[in-house]
Amino acid sequence: MSDKNHATVAVTGVTGALGSRIAARLAGHGVPQLLVGRSPDRMPELPGAQRRGPAAYADAADMRRALEGA
């Protein structure tokens, strides 16, 4: 991940154990992210990351909007 011209990556489940670790690791590498979840107020504040939601997996319209730009 040494290239600084990264595409924006969407990370879902960022309030959970796995998603939060992935998002933090990507932020550490300077990867721009869209953090997607049901509870934006519980999402981490990370450099280069935009919080998106609320978006639940079962709500296709909200999820599509949240993922736009990734």
C-alpha atoms as a PDB file:
ATOM      1  CA  MET A   1       0.000   0.000   0.000  1.00  0.00           C
ATOM      2  CA  SER A   2       2.791   2.419  -0.709  1.00  0.00           C
ATOM      3  CA  ASP A   3       0.992   4.154  -3.597  1.00  0.00           C
ATOM      4  CA  LYS A   4      -0.680   7.332  -2.307  1.00  0.00           C
ATOM      5  CA  ASN A   5      -3.185   7.498  -5.195  1.00  0.00           C
ATOM      6  CA  HIS A   6      -5.732   5.160  -3.664  1.00  0.00           C
ATOM      7  CA  ALA A   7      -9.313   4.776  -4.793  1.00  0.00           C
ATOM      8  CA  THR A   8     -11.950   5.372  -2.123  1.00  0.00           C
ATOM      9  CA  VAL A   9     -12.752   2.163  -0.274  1.00  0.00           C
ATOM     10  CA  ALA A  10     -16.081   1.486   1.444  1.00  0.00           C
ATOM     11  CA  VAL A  11     -15.856  -0.330   4.764  1.00  0.00           C
ATOM     12  CA  THR A  12     -19.020  -1.712   6.328  1.00  0.00           C
ATOM     13  CA  GLY A  13     -19.480  -2.892   9.887  1.00  0.00           C
ATOM     14  CA  VAL A  14     -17.093  -0.246  11.229  1.00  0.00           C
ATOM     15  CA  THR A  15     -18.636  -0.295  14.705  1.00  0.00           C
ATOM     16  CA  GLY A  16     -17.752  -3.979  15.100  1.00  0.00           C
ATOM     17  CA  ALA A  17     -14.461  -5.634  15.963  1.00  0.00           C
ATOM     18  CA  LEU A  18     -13.365  -6.599  12.456  1.00  0.00           C
ATOM     19  CA  GLY A  19     -14.668  -3.599  10.504  1.00  0.00           C
ATOM     20  CA  SER A  20     -13.153  -1.115  12.952  1.00  0.00           C
ATOM     21  CA  ARG A  21      -9.733  -2.782  12.727  1.00  0.00           C
ATOM     22  CA  ILE A  22      -9.842  -2.799   8.924  1.00  0.00           C
ATOM     23  CA  ALA A  23     -10.861   0.880   8.803  1.00  0.00           C
ATOM     24  CA  ALA A  24      -8.108   1.888  11.236  1.00  0.00           C
ATOM     25  CA  ARG A  25      -5.493  -0.013   9.255  1.00  0.00           C
ATOM     26  CA  LEU A  26      -6.588   1.562   5.966  1.00  0.00           C
ATOM     27  CA  ALA A  27      -6.533   5.021   7.577  1.00  0.00           C
ATOM     28  CA  GLY A  28      -3.004   4.336   8.772  1.00  0.00           C
ATOM     29  CA  HIS A  29      -2.005   3.740   5.161  1.00  0.00           C
ATOM     30  CA  GLY A  30      -3.703   6.922   3.965  1.00  0.00           C
ATOM     31  CA  VAL A  31      -6.477   5.160   2.063  1.00  0.00           C
ATOM     32  CA  PRO A  32      -9.592   7.347   1.612  1.00  0.00           C
ATOM     33  CA  GLN A  33     -12.669   5.588   2.988  1.00  0.00           C
ATOM     34  CA  LEU A  34     -16.411   5.649   3.270  1.00  0.00           C
ATOM     35  CA  LEU A  35     -17.378   4.242   6.653  1.00  0.00           C
ATOM     36  CA  VAL A  36     -20.812   2.683   6.278  1.00  0.00           C
ATOM     37  CA  GLY A  37     -23.090   1.534   9.065  1.00  0.00           C
ATOM     38  CA  ARG A  38     -26.422   1.682  10.822  1.00  0.00           C
ATOM     39  CA  SER A  39     -25.225   4.018  13.590  1.00  0.00           C
ATOM     40  CA  PRO A  40     -23.073   6.889  12.265  1.00  0.00           C
ATOM     41  CA  ASP A  41     -22.733   8.287  15.801  1.00  0.00           C
ATOM     42  CA  ARG A  42     -20.864   5.107  16.841  1.00  0.00           C
ATOM     43  CA  MET A  43     -18.447   5.170  13.879  1.00  0.00           C
ATOM     44  CA  PRO A  44     -14.813   6.044  14.502  1.00  0.00           C
ATOM     45  CA  GLU A  45     -13.365   9.399  13.473  1.00  0.00           C
ATOM     46  CA  LEU A  46     -10.485   8.508  11.150  1.00  0.00           C
ATOM     47  CA  PRO A  47      -8.321  10.678   8.896  1.00  0.00           C
ATOM     48  CA  GLY A  48      -9.407  10.512   5.274  1.00  0.00           C
ATOM     49  CA  ALA A  49     -12.714   8.854   6.160  1.00  0.00           C
ATOM     50  CA  GLN A  50     -16.280  10.004   5.589  1.00  0.00           C
ATOM     51  CA  ARG A  51     -19.031   8.548   7.747  1.00  0.00           C
ATOM     52  CA  ARG A  52     -22.081   7.399   5.802  1.00  0.00           C
ATOM     53  CA  GLY A  53     -25.437   6.205   6.968  1.00  0.00           C
ATOM     54  CA  PRO A  54     -27.554   5.163   8.566  1.00  0.00           C
ATOM     55  CA  ALA A  55     -27.499   2.253   6.141  1.00  0.00           C
ATOM     56  CA  ALA A  56     -28.549  -1.294   6.981  1.00  0.00           C
ATOM     57  CA  TYR A  57     -27.631  -4.242   4.761  1.00  0.00           C
ATOM     58  CA  ALA A  58     -31.330  -5.002   4.198  1.00  0.00           C
ATOM     59  CA  ASP A  59     -32.109  -1.477   2.947  1.00  0.00           C
ATOM     60  CA  ALA A  60     -30.854  -1.495  -0.649  1.00  0.00           C
ATOM     61  CA  ALA A  61     -31.647   2.171  -1.361  1.00  0.00           C
ATOM     62  CA  ASP A  62     -29.833   3.501   1.739  1.00  0.00           C
ATOM     63  CA  MET A  63     -26.895   1.183   1.123  1.00  0.00           C
ATOM     64  CA  ARG A  64     -26.578   2.318  -2.503  1.00  0.00           C
ATOM     65  CA  ARG A  65     -26.492   5.970  -1.380  1.00  0.00           C
ATOM     66  CA  ALA A  66     -23.957   5.216   1.341  1.00  0.00           C
ATOM     67  CA  LEU A  67     -21.663   3.382  -1.078  1.00  0.00           C
ATOM     68  CA  GLU A  68     -21.785   6.042  -3.775  1.00  0.00           C
ATOM     69  CA  GLY A  69     -18.257   7.148  -4.634  1.00  0.00           C
ATOM     70  CA  ALA A  70     -16.490   3.972  -3.568  1.00  0.00           C
END
